[in-house]
C-alpha atoms as a PDB file:
ATOM      1  CA  MET A   1      -9.250  22.471  -4.473  1.00  0.00           C
ATOM      2  CA  ILE A   2      -7.439  19.515  -2.939  1.00  0.00           C
ATOM      3  CA  SER A   3     -10.050  19.109  -0.217  1.00  0.00           C
ATOM      4  CA  ARG A   4     -12.774  19.078  -2.872  1.00  0.00           C
ATOM      5  CA  LEU A   5     -10.908  16.376  -4.791  1.00  0.00           C
ATOM      6  CA  ASP A   6     -10.657  14.362  -1.554  1.00  0.00           C
ATOM      7  CA  ASP A   7     -14.435  14.678  -1.107  1.00  0.00           C
ATOM      8  CA  LEU A   8     -15.030  13.541  -4.672  1.00  0.00           C
ATOM      9  CA  GLU A   9     -12.735  10.557  -4.174  1.00  0.00           C
ATOM     10  CA  ALA A  10     -14.616   9.470  -1.054  1.00  0.00           C
ATOM     11  CA  ASP A  11     -17.915   9.689  -2.953  1.00  0.00           C
ATOM     12  CA  LEU A  12     -16.533   7.687  -5.883  1.00  0.00           C
ATOM     13  CA  ILE A  13     -15.236   4.985  -3.546  1.00  0.00           C
ATOM     14  CA  THR A  14     -18.699   4.715  -1.982  1.00  0.00           C
ATOM     15  CA  ARG A  15     -20.330   4.516  -5.417  1.00  0.00           C
ATOM     16  CA  ARG A  16     -17.810   1.862  -6.497  1.00  0.00           C
ATOM     17  CA  ALA A  17     -18.603  -0.265  -3.438  1.00  0.00           C
ATOM     18  CA  ARG A  18     -22.303  -0.092  -4.307  1.00  0.00           C
ATOM     19  CA  ALA A  19     -21.607  -0.939  -7.948  1.00  0.00           C
ATOM     20  CA  GLN A  20     -19.551  -3.927  -6.838  1.00  0.00           C
ATOM     21  CA  ALA A  21     -22.316  -5.099  -4.482  1.00  0.00           C
ATOM     22  CA  GLU A  22     -24.836  -4.829  -7.336  1.00  0.00           C
ATOM     23  CA  SER A  23     -22.458  -6.518  -9.847  1.00  0.00           C
ATOM     24  CA  TRP A  24     -22.471  -3.554 -12.228  1.00  0.00           C
ATOM     25  CA  ALA A  25     -19.284  -4.397 -14.136  1.00  0.00           C
ATOM     26  CA  GLY A  26     -19.479  -1.479 -16.591  1.00  0.00           C
ATOM     27  CA  GLU A  27     -20.085   0.994 -13.782  1.00  0.00           C
ATOM     28  CA  ILE A  28     -17.111  -0.373 -11.827  1.00  0.00           C
ATOM     29  CA  GLU A  29     -14.862   0.055 -14.845  1.00  0.00           C
ATOM     30  CA  GLY A  30     -15.999   3.649 -15.347  1.00  0.00           C
ATOM     31  CA  LEU A  31     -15.582   4.501 -11.678  1.00  0.00           C
ATOM     32  CA  ASP A  32     -12.092   2.967 -11.614  1.00  0.00           C
ATOM     33  CA  LEU A  33     -11.060   5.132 -14.560  1.00  0.00           C
ATOM     34  CA  THR A  34     -12.564   8.236 -12.950  1.00  0.00           C
ATOM     35  CA  LEU A  35     -10.748   7.476  -9.681  1.00  0.00           C
ATOM     36  CA  GLN A  36      -7.464   7.040 -11.540  1.00  0.00           C
ATOM     37  CA  LEU A  37      -7.856  10.403 -13.304  1.00  0.00           C
ATOM     38  CA  LEU A  38      -8.970  12.155 -10.114  1.00  0.00           C
ATOM     39  CA  ARG A  39      -5.946  10.862  -8.213  1.00  0.00           C
ATOM     40  CA  ALA A  40      -3.615  11.994 -10.983  1.00  0.00           C
ATOM     41  CA  LYS A  41      -5.203  15.461 -10.922  1.00  0.00           C
ATOM     42  CA  ARG A  42      -4.862  15.662  -7.141  1.00  0.00           C
ATOM     43  CA  ASP A  43      -1.186  14.618  -7.293  1.00  0.00           C
ATOM     44  CA  ASP A  44      -0.530  17.197 -10.010  1.00  0.00           C
ATOM     45  CA  THR A  45      -2.312  19.892  -7.984  1.00  0.00           C
ATOM     46  CA  LYS A  46      -0.233  19.075  -4.905  1.00  0.00           C
ATOM     47  CA  ARG A  47       2.963  19.258  -6.977  1.00  0.00           C
ATOM     48  CA  ARG A  48       1.989  22.636  -8.394  1.00  0.00           C
ATOM     49  CA  THR A  49       1.261  24.138  -4.972  1.00  0.00           C
ATOM     50  CA  GLN A  50       4.803  23.292  -3.831  1.00  0.00           C
ATOM     51  CA  ARG A  51       6.494  25.199  -6.669  1.00  0.00           C
ATOM     52  CA  PRO A  52       7.552  28.779  -5.954  1.00  0.00           C
ATOM     53  CA  PRO A  53       6.004  31.532  -8.089  1.00  0.00           C
ATOM     54  CA  VAL A  54       7.995  32.794 -11.038  1.00  0.00           C
ATOM     55  CA  GLU A  55       8.731  36.510 -11.310  1.00  0.00           C
ATOM     56  CA  LEU A  56       8.138  37.552 -14.915  1.00  0.00           C
ATOM     57  CA  GLY A  57       8.818  41.245 -14.419  1.00  0.00           C
ATOM     58  CA  ILE A  58       7.032  44.151 -16.048  1.00  0.00           C
ATOM     59  CA  PRO A  59       6.910  44.081 -19.838  1.00  0.00           C
ATOM     60  CA  THR A  60       8.433  47.004 -21.747  1.00  0.00           C
ATOM     61  CA  PRO A  61       7.710  48.049 -25.339  1.00  0.00           C
ATOM     62  CA  ARG A  62      10.214  46.918 -27.926  1.00  0.00           C
ATOM     63  CA  ARG A  63      12.310  49.478 -29.754  1.00  0.00           C
ATOM     64  CA  LYS A  64      11.754  49.670 -33.472  1.00  0.00           C
ATOM     65  CA  LYS A  65      14.777  48.878 -35.627  1.00  0.00           C
ATOM     66  CA  GLY A  66      16.570  51.963 -36.895  1.00  0.00           C
ATOM     67  CA  LYS A  67      15.428  54.184 -33.993  1.00  0.00           C
ATOM     68  CA  GLN A  68      17.428  54.729 -30.838  1.00  0.00           C
END
């Protein structure tokens, strides 16, 4: 997933450069916001991949009150 996000970022940077060359102010603003969100998602994804998995165990049925 991270490599795909890197590819998307490269494409957005290219599109932003074109928008800037064409003086498309609204497009630049939208691309900047998209780049900001994409970078935050990539950083979050990298953080999550560094966390160890959590062992939750196997669930067991609860005992009903009054029965042993």
